[in-house]
Amino acid sequence: QVQLVESGGDSVQAGGSLRLSCAVSRSASASYCMGWFRQVPGKEREGVGIIDSDGLTKYADSVQGRFAISQDNAKSTLFLLMNSLKPEDSATYYCAADLFLTNCYSDSWITGQYFPYWGPGTQVTVYS
């Protein structure tokens, strides 16, 4: 029903920028909630930010002001622009989707536990 494929992961020096993309294939849906998450081996998954079908966004405190989520006009690609990268931003980054808006209106979005669709992830490494 929904397929997601991330790309754009790379190794970048601290202070630099990187833009991740998530190609979205889904059945027609007027409403949806999509998000970016990240995970380091041995640690819990961490929410980065979400965007709903109206373009409204929310971000985790750890990335607020540095990261920005956007989507193309066709809403077939989700982007995560990451600026002022820090070594602690190193992780595998995943995009996730829900065909309902519920996740975007709940504080529980940050856990990612209610998103049913996930991409395979893309690795970001930030070196100092």
Protein backbone atom coordinates (compact mmCIF):
# COMPACT_ATOMS: atom_id res chain seq x y z
CA GLN A 1 0.00 0.00 0.00
CA VAL A 2 2.87 2.34 0.79
CA GLN A 3 6.49 1.89 -0.25
CA LEU A 4 9.28 4.10 1.00
CA VAL A 5 12.92 4.24 -0.09
CA GLU A 6 15.41 6.59 1.49
CA SER A 7 18.55 7.94 -0.19
CA GLY A 8 21.19 10.60 0.30
CA GLY A 9 23.01 9.22 3.30
CA ASP A 10 26.72 10.01 3.38
CA SER A 11 29.71 10.84 5.56
CA VAL A 12 30.01 14.55 6.26
CA GLN A 13 32.18 16.73 8.44
CA ALA A 14 30.66 18.31 11.54
CA GLY A 15 29.08 21.66 10.74
CA GLY A 16 28.18 20.55 7.26
CA SER A 17 24.84 19.90 5.62
CA LEU A 18 23.14 16.95 4.01
CA ARG A 19 19.76 16.40 2.36
CA LEU A 20 18.02 13.05 2.59
CA SER A 21 15.24 11.99 0.24
CA CYS A 22 12.47 9.49 0.65
CA ALA A 23 10.68 8.28 -2.49
CA VAL A 24 7.05 7.64 -1.65
CA SER A 25 4.76 5.28 -3.49
CA ARG A 26 1.27 5.09 -2.04
CA SER A 27 -2.32 4.71 -2.97
CA ALA A 28 -4.19 7.96 -3.36
CA SER A 29 -4.80 9.45 0.03
CA ALA A 30 -5.92 12.97 0.77
CA SER A 31 -4.58 12.84 4.29
CA TYR A 32 -1.36 11.39 5.63
CA CYS A 33 1.33 11.84 8.19
CA MET A 34 4.97 11.22 7.36
CA GLY A 35 8.05 11.35 9.49
CA TRP A 36 11.79 10.98 9.75
CA PHE A 37 13.36 8.88 12.47
CA ARG A 38 16.86 7.78 13.30
CA GLN A 39 18.48 4.97 15.21
CA VAL A 40 21.94 4.10 16.43
CA PRO A 41 22.72 0.41 17.09
CA GLY A 42 22.01 -0.42 20.70
CA LYS A 43 19.84 2.64 21.24
CA GLU A 44 16.12 3.30 20.90
CA ARG A 45 14.70 4.80 17.75
CA GLU A 46 14.43 8.59 17.96
CA GLY A 47 11.89 10.78 16.24
CA VAL A 48 13.37 13.60 14.15
CA GLY A 49 10.30 15.32 12.73
CA ILE A 50 6.96 14.89 11.00
CA ILE A 51 4.95 16.57 8.27
CA ASP A 52 1.27 16.19 7.52
CA SER A 53 -0.63 16.43 4.25
CA ASP A 54 -1.19 20.15 4.84
CA GLY A 55 2.53 20.74 5.19
CA LEU A 56 2.52 21.36 8.93
CA THR A 57 5.71 20.20 10.64
CA LYS A 58 6.94 19.27 14.10
CA TYR A 59 10.49 18.59 15.20
CA ALA A 60 12.30 16.98 18.06
CA ASP A 61 14.03 19.44 20.37
CA SER A 62 17.40 17.97 19.44
CA VAL A 63 17.08 19.07 15.80
CA GLN A 64 14.79 22.10 16.06
CA GLY A 65 16.28 24.97 14.07
CA ARG A 66 18.82 22.76 12.31
CA PHE A 67 16.70 20.27 10.37
CA ALA A 68 13.80 20.94 8.01
CA ILE A 69 11.29 18.55 6.46
CA SER A 70 9.66 19.30 3.14
CA GLN A 71 8.00 17.53 0.24
CA ASP A 72 7.81 18.10 -3.48
CA ASN A 73 4.70 19.45 -5.16
CA ALA A 74 3.62 16.00 -6.27
CA LYS A 75 4.08 14.81 -2.68
CA SER A 76 5.97 11.83 -4.03
CA THR A 77 9.25 12.69 -2.35
CA LEU A 78 9.91 13.62 1.25
CA PHE A 79 13.06 15.55 2.12
CA LEU A 80 15.07 16.07 5.27
CA LEU A 81 17.52 18.96 5.08
CA MET A 82 20.07 18.72 7.86
CA ASN A 83 22.25 21.70 8.68
CA SER A 84 24.92 22.30 11.31
CA LEU A 85 25.42 18.58 11.65
CA LYS A 86 26.99 17.20 14.81
CA PRO A 87 28.68 13.83 15.43
CA GLU A 88 25.70 12.87 17.60
CA ASP A 89 23.48 13.13 14.50
CA SER A 90 25.20 10.03 13.13
CA ALA A 91 22.61 7.28 12.72
CA THR A 92 20.58 5.30 10.25
CA TYR A 93 17.75 7.56 9.12
CA TYR A 94 14.34 6.16 8.25
CA CYS A 95 11.23 7.69 6.76
CA ALA A 96 7.85 6.43 7.87
CA ALA A 97 4.27 6.95 6.76
CA ASP A 98 0.74 6.67 8.03
CA LEU A 99 -2.33 7.13 5.84
CA PHE A 100 -4.13 8.78 8.73
CA LEU A 101 -3.40 12.07 10.43
CA THR A 102 -3.63 10.68 13.95
CA ASN A 103 0.11 10.36 14.40
CA CYS A 104 0.71 13.97 13.47
CA TYR A 105 -1.69 15.19 16.12
CA SER A 106 -0.29 13.11 18.97
CA ASP A 107 2.84 13.64 21.06
CA SER A 108 3.49 9.91 20.68
CA TRP A 109 4.68 10.55 17.11
CA ILE A 110 8.19 10.82 18.43
CA THR A 111 8.33 7.12 19.29
CA GLY A 112 7.32 6.06 15.79
CA GLN A 113 5.45 3.11 17.22
CA TYR A 114 2.19 3.89 15.42
CA PHE A 115 3.63 4.38 11.94
CA PRO A 116 2.83 1.25 9.90
CA TYR A 117 5.08 1.87 6.89
CA TRP A 118 8.86 2.20 6.95
CA GLY A 119 11.72 2.47 4.50
CA PRO A 120 14.93 0.42 4.77
CA GLY A 121 16.98 3.41 5.99
CA THR A 122 20.04 5.36 4.89
CA GLN A 123 23.25 5.83 6.87
CA VAL A 124 24.49 9.24 7.95
CA THR A 125 27.90 9.61 9.54
CA VAL A 126 29.12 12.93 10.90
CA TYR A 127 32.82 13.09 11.74
CA SER A 128 34.63 15.76 13.72
